[in-house]
């Protein structure tokens, strides 16, 4: 099985990390919640979410167990 490192979780994680880091560099002025008073720490949520998504994207997917009936057909198909 070939593992795809560049999947959608990693793409979204890079985007979230970029937004979070840019928000930290700008002092919390770039990342804010519209309609709410800004505390300047909203960028932390983006960094944590990006880190979790990056961790999830690098985990290999688990393969389900094959049924005994499907195994001979799968071997003959190769």
PDB file of N, CA and C in Angstrom:
ATOM      1  N   UNK A   1       0.835  -1.178   0.000  1.00  0.00           N
ATOM      2  CA  UNK A   1       0.000   0.000   0.000  1.00  0.00           C
ATOM      3  C   UNK A   1       0.880   1.242   0.000  1.00  0.00           C
ATOM      4  N   UNK A   2       0.581   2.149  -0.893  1.00  0.00           N
ATOM      5  CA  UNK A   2       1.329   3.398  -0.983  1.00  0.00           C
ATOM      6  C   UNK A   2       0.605   4.472  -0.171  1.00  0.00           C
ATOM      7  N   UNK A   3       1.326   5.091   0.731  1.00  0.00           N
ATOM      8  CA  UNK A   3       0.735   6.133   1.561  1.00  0.00           C
ATOM      9  C   UNK A   3       0.919   7.486   0.893  1.00  0.00           C
ATOM     10  N   UNK A   4      -0.146   8.227   0.783  1.00  0.00           N
ATOM     11  CA  UNK A   4      -0.079   9.547   0.158  1.00  0.00           C
ATOM     12  C   UNK A   4       0.149  10.593   1.245  1.00  0.00           C
ATOM     13  N   UNK A   5       1.338  11.194   1.258  1.00  0.00           N
ATOM     14  CA  UNK A   5       1.679  12.179   2.277  1.00  0.00           C
ATOM     15  C   UNK A   5       0.985  13.502   2.026  1.00  0.00           C
ATOM     16  N   UNK A   6       0.718  13.834   0.793  1.00  0.00           N
ATOM     17  CA  UNK A   6       0.121  15.128   0.476  1.00  0.00           C
ATOM     18  C   UNK A   6      -1.378  14.936   0.282  1.00  0.00           C
ATOM     19  N   UNK A   7      -2.103  14.748   1.369  1.00  0.00           N
ATOM     20  CA  UNK A   7      -3.543  14.545   1.292  1.00  0.00           C
ATOM     21  C   UNK A   7      -4.270  15.808   1.750  1.00  0.00           C
ATOM     22  N   UNK A   8      -5.578  15.776   1.754  1.00  0.00           N
ATOM     23  CA  UNK A   8      -6.353  16.980   2.060  1.00  0.00           C
ATOM     24  C   UNK A   8      -6.160  17.451   3.498  1.00  0.00           C
ATOM     25  N   UNK A   9      -5.927  16.527   4.431  1.00  0.00           N
ATOM     26  CA  UNK A   9      -5.677  16.943   5.807  1.00  0.00           C
ATOM     27  C   UNK A   9      -4.411  17.777   5.890  1.00  0.00           C
ATOM     28  N   UNK A  10      -3.365  17.352   5.197  1.00  0.00           N
ATOM     29  CA  UNK A  10      -2.108  18.091   5.251  1.00  0.00           C
ATOM     30  C   UNK A  10      -2.207  19.432   4.539  1.00  0.00           C
ATOM     31  N   UNK A  11      -2.959  19.503   3.460  1.00  0.00           N
ATOM     32  CA  UNK A  11      -3.142  20.775   2.758  1.00  0.00           C
ATOM     33  C   UNK A  11      -3.860  21.770   3.664  1.00  0.00           C
ATOM     34  N   UNK A  12      -4.964  21.340   4.290  1.00  0.00           N
ATOM     35  CA  UNK A  12      -5.691  22.224   5.192  1.00  0.00           C
ATOM     36  C   UNK A  12      -4.866  22.570   6.429  1.00  0.00           C
ATOM     37  N   UNK A  13      -4.059  21.631   6.901  1.00  0.00           N
ATOM     38  CA  UNK A  13      -3.203  21.906   8.057  1.00  0.00           C
ATOM     39  C   UNK A  13      -2.187  22.983   7.736  1.00  0.00           C
ATOM     40  N   UNK A  14      -1.592  22.935   6.565  1.00  0.00           N
ATOM     41  CA  UNK A  14      -0.623  23.960   6.180  1.00  0.00           C
ATOM     42  C   UNK A  14      -1.302  25.325   6.090  1.00  0.00           C
ATOM     43  N   UNK A  15      -2.509  25.362   5.550  1.00  0.00           N
ATOM     44  CA  UNK A  15      -3.238  26.633   5.456  1.00  0.00           C
ATOM     45  C   UNK A  15      -3.553  27.167   6.853  1.00  0.00           C
ATOM     46  N   UNK A  16      -4.049  26.316   7.744  1.00  0.00           N
ATOM     47  CA  UNK A  16      -4.360  26.753   9.099  1.00  0.00           C
ATOM     48  C   UNK A  16      -3.114  27.194   9.857  1.00  0.00           C
ATOM     49  N   UNK A  17      -2.024  26.456   9.697  1.00  0.00           N
ATOM     50  CA  UNK A  17      -0.784  26.852  10.361  1.00  0.00           C
ATOM     51  C   UNK A  17      -0.272  28.181   9.829  1.00  0.00           C
ATOM     52  N   UNK A  18      -0.387  28.397   8.524  1.00  0.00           N
ATOM     53  CA  UNK A  18       0.039  29.675   7.944  1.00  0.00           C
ATOM     54  C   UNK A  18      -0.785  30.826   8.512  1.00  0.00           C
ATOM     55  N   UNK A  19      -2.099  30.649   8.586  1.00  0.00           N
ATOM     56  CA  UNK A  19      -2.971  31.699   9.137  1.00  0.00           C
ATOM     57  C   UNK A  19      -2.638  31.941  10.607  1.00  0.00           C
ATOM     58  N   UNK A  20      -2.444  30.867  11.364  1.00  0.00           N
ATOM     59  CA  UNK A  20      -2.129  31.006  12.784  1.00  0.00           C
ATOM     60  C   UNK A  20      -0.794  31.678  13.029  1.00  0.00           C
ATOM     61  N   UNK A  21       0.226  31.294  12.271  1.00  0.00           N
ATOM     62  CA  UNK A  21       1.554  31.901  12.447  1.00  0.00           C
ATOM     63  C   UNK A  21       1.542  33.359  12.000  1.00  0.00           C
ATOM     64  N   UNK A  22       0.838  33.640  10.897  1.00  0.00           N
ATOM     65  CA  UNK A  22       0.720  35.032  10.451  1.00  0.00           C
ATOM     66  C   UNK A  22      -0.025  35.864  11.491  1.00  0.00           C
ATOM     67  N   UNK A  23      -1.023  35.284  12.133  1.00  0.00           N
ATOM     68  CA  UNK A  23      -1.736  35.983  13.198  1.00  0.00           C
ATOM     69  C   UNK A  23      -0.861  36.233  14.409  1.00  0.00           C
ATOM     70  N   UNK A  24       0.009  35.284  14.728  1.00  0.00           N
ATOM     71  CA  UNK A  24       0.927  35.470  15.858  1.00  0.00           C
ATOM     72  C   UNK A  24       1.952  36.557  15.550  1.00  0.00           C
ATOM     73  N   UNK A  25       2.457  36.567  14.322  1.00  0.00           N
ATOM     74  CA  UNK A  25       3.454  37.568  13.938  1.00  0.00           C
ATOM     75  C   UNK A  25       2.838  38.970  13.932  1.00  0.00           C
ATOM     76  N   UNK A  26       1.581  39.063  13.495  1.00  0.00           N
ATOM     77  CA  UNK A  26       0.927  40.380  13.434  1.00  0.00           C
ATOM     78  C   UNK A  26       0.406  40.835  14.791  1.00  0.00           C
ATOM     79  N   UNK A  27       0.643  40.056  15.817  1.00  0.00           N
ATOM     80  CA  UNK A  27       0.191  40.449  17.153  1.00  0.00           C
ATOM     81  C   UNK A  27      -1.284  40.226  17.376  1.00  0.00           C
ATOM     82  N   UNK A  28      -1.889  39.333  16.642  1.00  0.00           N
ATOM     83  CA  UNK A  28      -3.309  39.025  16.799  1.00  0.00           C
ATOM     84  C   UNK A  28      -4.222  39.960  16.040  1.00  0.00           C
ATOM     85  N   UNK A  29      -3.665  40.827  15.210  1.00  0.00           N
ATOM     86  CA  UNK A  29      -4.492  41.777  14.459  1.00  0.00           C
ATOM     87  C   UNK A  29      -5.023  41.182  13.159  1.00  0.00           C
ATOM     88  N   UNK A  30      -4.379  40.142  12.664  1.00  0.00           N
ATOM     89  CA  UNK A  30      -4.808  39.558  11.399  1.00  0.00           C
ATOM     90  C   UNK A  30      -5.949  38.563  11.591  1.00  0.00           C
ATOM     91  N   UNK A  31      -5.919  37.806  12.674  1.00  0.00           N
ATOM     92  CA  UNK A  31      -6.921  36.772  12.930  1.00  0.00           C
ATOM     93  C   UNK A  31      -7.868  37.286  14.011  1.00  0.00           C
ATOM     94  N   UNK A  32      -9.139  37.361  13.663  1.00  0.00           N
ATOM     95  CA  UNK A  32     -10.126  37.834  14.636  1.00  0.00           C
ATOM     96  C   UNK A  32     -11.482  37.236  14.281  1.00  0.00           C
ATOM     97  N   UNK A  33     -12.377  37.251  15.240  1.00  0.00           N
ATOM     98  CA  UNK A  33     -13.750  36.790  15.032  1.00  0.00           C
ATOM     99  C   UNK A  33     -14.624  38.012  14.797  1.00  0.00           C
ATOM    100  N   UNK A  34     -15.252  38.141  13.632  1.00  0.00           N
ATOM    101  CA  UNK A  34     -16.098  39.298  13.360  1.00  0.00           C
ATOM    102  C   UNK A  34     -17.272  39.380  14.343  1.00  0.00           C
ATOM    103  N   UNK A  35     -17.548  40.579  14.824  1.00  0.00           N
ATOM    104  CA  UNK A  35     -18.657  40.784  15.735  1.00  0.00           C
ATOM    105  C   UNK A  35     -18.325  40.547  17.186  1.00  0.00           C
ATOM    106  N   UNK A  36     -17.108  40.141  17.474  1.00  0.00           N
ATOM    107  CA  UNK A  36     -16.702  39.907  18.861  1.00  0.00           C
ATOM    108  C   UNK A  36     -15.484  40.752  19.176  1.00  0.00           C
ATOM    109  N   UNK A  37     -15.316  41.055  20.412  1.00  0.00           N
ATOM    110  CA  UNK A  37     -14.127  41.799  20.829  1.00  0.00           C
ATOM    111  C   UNK A  37     -12.905  40.893  20.695  1.00  0.00           C
ATOM    112  N   UNK A  38     -11.855  41.409  20.102  1.00  0.00           N
ATOM    113  CA  UNK A  38     -10.656  40.612  19.860  1.00  0.00           C
ATOM    114  C   UNK A  38      -9.780  40.571  21.112  1.00  0.00           C
ATOM    115  N   UNK A  39      -9.363  39.381  21.485  1.00  0.00           N
ATOM    116  CA  UNK A  39      -8.468  39.229  22.628  1.00  0.00           C
ATOM    117  C   UNK A  39      -7.009  39.169  22.191  1.00  0.00           C
ATOM    118  N   UNK A  40      -6.783  38.975  20.885  1.00  0.00           N
ATOM    119  CA  UNK A  40      -5.414  38.882  20.380  1.00  0.00           C
ATOM    120  C   UNK A  40      -4.836  37.487  20.447  1.00  0.00           C
ATOM    121  N   UNK A  41      -5.621  36.528  20.939  1.00  0.00           N
ATOM    122  CA  UNK A  41      -5.127  35.153  21.060  1.00  0.00           C
ATOM    123  C   UNK A  41      -5.889  34.168  20.187  1.00  0.00           C
ATOM    124  N   UNK A  42      -6.657  34.658  19.245  1.00  0.00           N
ATOM    125  CA  UNK A  42      -7.426  33.766  18.378  1.00  0.00           C
ATOM    126  C   UNK A  42      -6.526  32.925  17.483  1.00  0.00           C
ATOM    127  N   UNK A  43      -5.315  33.376  17.229  1.00  0.00           N
ATOM    128  CA  UNK A  43      -4.386  32.651  16.368  1.00  0.00           C
ATOM    129  C   UNK A  43      -4.001  31.304  16.964  1.00  0.00           C
ATOM    130  N   UNK A  44      -4.095  31.176  18.282  1.00  0.00           N
ATOM    131  CA  UNK A  44      -3.733  29.912  18.945  1.00  0.00           C
ATOM    132  C   UNK A  44      -4.650  28.791  18.472  1.00  0.00           C
ATOM    133  N   UNK A  45      -5.928  29.094  18.261  1.00  0.00           N
ATOM    134  CA  UNK A  45      -6.883  28.081  17.803  1.00  0.00           C
ATOM    135  C   UNK A  45      -6.473  27.555  16.430  1.00  0.00           C
ATOM    136  N   UNK A  46      -6.026  28.450  15.556  1.00  0.00           N
ATOM    137  CA  UNK A  46      -5.607  28.036  14.215  1.00  0.00           C
ATOM    138  C   UNK A  46      -4.354  27.174  14.269  1.00  0.00           C
ATOM    139  N   UNK A  47      -3.419  27.520  15.134  1.00  0.00           N
ATOM    140  CA  UNK A  47      -2.187  26.730  15.248  1.00  0.00           C
ATOM    141  C   UNK A  47      -2.485  25.349  15.812  1.00  0.00           C
ATOM    142  N   UNK A  48      -3.325  25.275  16.832  1.00  0.00           N
ATOM    143  CA  UNK A  48      -3.678  23.978  17.427  1.00  0.00           C
ATOM    144  C   UNK A  48      -4.449  23.126  16.422  1.00  0.00           C
ATOM    145  N   UNK A  49      -5.427  23.726  15.744  1.00  0.00           N
ATOM    146  CA  UNK A  49      -6.199  22.970  14.751  1.00  0.00           C
ATOM    147  C   UNK A  49      -5.311  22.500  13.605  1.00  0.00           C
ATOM    148  N   UNK A  50      -4.397  23.348  13.142  1.00  0.00           N
ATOM    149  CA  UNK A  50      -3.471  22.955  12.081  1.00  0.00           C
ATOM    150  C   UNK A  50      -2.551  21.834  12.525  1.00  0.00           C
ATOM    151  N   UNK A  51      -2.062  21.906  13.762  1.00  0.00           N
ATOM    152  CA  UNK A  51      -1.208  20.836  14.287  1.00  0.00           C
ATOM    153  C   UNK A  51      -1.934  19.515  14.394  1.00  0.00           C
ATOM    154  N   UNK A  52      -3.175  19.549  14.863  1.00  0.00           N
ATOM    155  CA  UNK A  52      -3.963  18.315  14.961  1.00  0.00           C
ATOM    156  C   UNK A  52      -4.264  17.727  13.584  1.00  0.00           C
ATOM    157  N   UNK A  53      -4.580  18.592  12.633  1.00  0.00           N
ATOM    158  CA  UNK A  53      -4.864  18.092  11.284  1.00  0.00           C
ATOM    159  C   UNK A  53      -3.599  17.537  10.631  1.00  0.00           C
ATOM    160  N   UNK A  54      -2.455  18.163  10.889  1.00  0.00           N
ATOM    161  CA  UNK A  54      -1.204  17.650  10.344  1.00  0.00           C
ATOM    162  C   UNK A  54      -0.875  16.283  10.942  1.00  0.00           C
ATOM    163  N   UNK A  55      -1.081  16.136  12.242  1.00  0.00           N
ATOM    164  CA  UNK A  55      -0.869  14.853  12.906  1.00  0.00           C
ATOM    165  C   UNK A  55      -1.807  13.793  12.337  1.00  0.00           C
ATOM    166  N   UNK A  56      -3.068  14.145  12.150  1.00  0.00           N
ATOM    167  CA  UNK A  56      -4.047  13.214  11.592  1.00  0.00           C
ATOM    168  C   UNK A  56      -3.724  12.870  10.139  1.00  0.00           C
ATOM    169  N   UNK A  57      -3.210  13.815   9.383  1.00  0.00           N
ATOM    170  CA  UNK A  57      -2.881  13.560   7.984  1.00  0.00           C
ATOM    171  C   UNK A  57      -1.701  12.632   7.807  1.00  0.00           C
ATOM    172  N   UNK A  58      -0.788  12.609   8.776  1.00  0.00           N
ATOM    173  CA  UNK A  58       0.378  11.737   8.667  1.00  0.00           C
ATOM    174  C   UNK A  58       0.133  10.333   9.191  1.00  0.00           C
ATOM    175  N   UNK A  59      -0.982  10.123   9.882  1.00  0.00           N
ATOM    176  CA  UNK A  59      -1.295   8.776  10.352  1.00  0.00           C
ATOM    177  C   UNK A  59      -1.707   7.911   9.163  1.00  0.00           C
ATOM    178  N   UNK A  60      -1.160   6.723   9.063  1.00  0.00           N
ATOM    179  CA  UNK A  60      -1.569   5.853   7.949  1.00  0.00           C
ATOM    180  C   UNK A  60      -2.979   5.324   8.180  1.00  0.00           C
ATOM    181  N   UNK A  61      -3.760   5.227   7.131  1.00  0.00           N
ATOM    182  CA  UNK A  61      -5.107   4.678   7.291  1.00  0.00           C
ATOM    183  C   UNK A  61      -5.040   3.192   7.593  1.00  0.00           C
ATOM    184  N   UNK A  62      -5.966   2.712   8.401  1.00  0.00           N
ATOM    185  CA  UNK A  62      -5.970   1.288   8.724  1.00  0.00           C
ATOM    186  C   UNK A  62      -6.754   0.542   7.649  1.00  0.00           C
ATOM    187  N   UNK A  63      -6.298  -0.628   7.331  1.00  0.00           N
ATOM    188  CA  UNK A  63      -6.959  -1.462   6.333  1.00  0.00           C
ATOM    189  C   UNK A  63      -7.950  -2.385   7.024  1.00  0.00           C
ATOM    190  N   UNK A  64      -9.160  -2.464   6.513  1.00  0.00           N
ATOM    191  CA  UNK A  64     -10.126  -3.398   7.112  1.00  0.00           C
ATOM    192  C   UNK A  64      -9.713  -4.845   6.832  1.00  0.00           C
ATOM    193  N   UNK A  65     -10.112  -5.718   7.704  1.00  0.00           N
ATOM    194  CA  UNK A  65      -9.801  -7.131   7.519  1.00  0.00           C
ATOM    195  C   UNK A  65     -10.607  -7.676   6.344  1.00  0.00           C
ATOM    196  N   UNK A  66      -9.949  -8.467   5.529  1.00  0.00           N
ATOM    197  CA  UNK A  66     -10.632  -9.049   4.377  1.00  0.00           C
ATOM    198  C   UNK A  66     -11.403 -10.286   4.804  1.00  0.00           C
ATOM    199  N   UNK A  67     -12.566 -10.465   4.207  1.00  0.00           N
ATOM    200  CA  UNK A  67     -13.339 -11.671   4.468  1.00  0.00           C
ATOM    201  C   UNK A  67     -12.667 -12.847   3.767  1.00  0.00           C
ATOM    202  N   UNK A  68     -12.883 -14.039   4.296  1.00  0.00           N
ATOM    203  CA  UNK A  68     -12.265 -15.222   3.703  1.00  0.00           C
ATOM    204  C   UNK A  68     -12.791 -15.488   2.306  1.00  0.00           C
ATOM    205  N   UNK A  69     -14.041 -15.125   2.038  1.00  0.00           N
ATOM    206  CA  UNK A  69     -14.623 -15.362   0.718  1.00  0.00           C
ATOM    207  C   UNK A  69     -14.016 -14.442  -0.332  1.00  0.00           C
ATOM    208  N   UNK A  70     -13.648 -13.237   0.042  1.00  0.00           N
ATOM    209  CA  UNK A  70     -13.119 -12.274  -0.916  1.00  0.00           C
ATOM    210  C   UNK A  70     -11.637 -12.472  -1.192  1.00  0.00           C
ATOM    211  N   UNK A  71     -10.920 -13.164  -0.329  1.00  0.00           N
ATOM    212  CA  UNK A  71      -9.474 -13.307  -0.484  1.00  0.00           C
ATOM    213  C   UNK A  71      -9.075 -14.031  -1.765  1.00  0.00           C
ATOM    214  N   UNK A  72      -9.679 -15.183  -2.149  1.00  0.00           N
ATOM    215  CA  UNK A  72      -9.256 -15.838  -3.387  1.00  0.00           C
ATOM    216  C   UNK A  72      -9.517 -14.989  -4.635  1.00  0.00           C
ATOM    217  N   UNK A  73     -10.619 -14.279  -4.663  1.00  0.00           N
ATOM    218  CA  UNK A  73     -10.923 -13.432  -5.808  1.00  0.00           C
ATOM    219  C   UNK A  73      -9.918 -12.283  -5.919  1.00  0.00           C
ATOM    220  N   UNK A  74      -9.527 -11.728  -4.799  1.00  0.00           N
ATOM    221  CA  UNK A  74      -8.580 -10.609  -4.817  1.00  0.00           C
ATOM    222  C   UNK A  74      -7.195 -11.084  -5.288  1.00  0.00           C
ATOM    223  N   UNK A  75      -6.809 -12.299  -4.902  1.00  0.00           N
ATOM    224  CA  UNK A  75      -5.519 -12.827  -5.325  1.00  0.00           C
ATOM    225  C   UNK A  75      -5.509 -13.165  -6.814  1.00  0.00           C
ATOM    226  N   UNK A  76      -6.644 -13.664  -7.324  1.00  0.00           N
ATOM    227  CA  UNK A  76      -6.717 -14.018  -8.750  1.00  0.00           C
ATOM    228  C   UNK A  76      -6.803 -12.794  -9.630  1.00  0.00           C
ATOM    229  N   UNK A  77      -7.253 -11.670  -9.092  1.00  0.00           N
ATOM    230  CA  UNK A  77      -7.402 -10.454  -9.905  1.00  0.00           C
ATOM    231  C   UNK A  77      -6.057  -9.832 -10.227  1.00  0.00           C
ATOM    232  N   UNK A  78      -5.028 -10.148  -9.478  1.00  0.00           N
ATOM    233  CA  UNK A  78      -3.716  -9.557  -9.703  1.00  0.00           C
ATOM    234  C   UNK A  78      -3.073 -10.226 -10.833  1.00  0.00           C
TER     235      UNK A  78
END
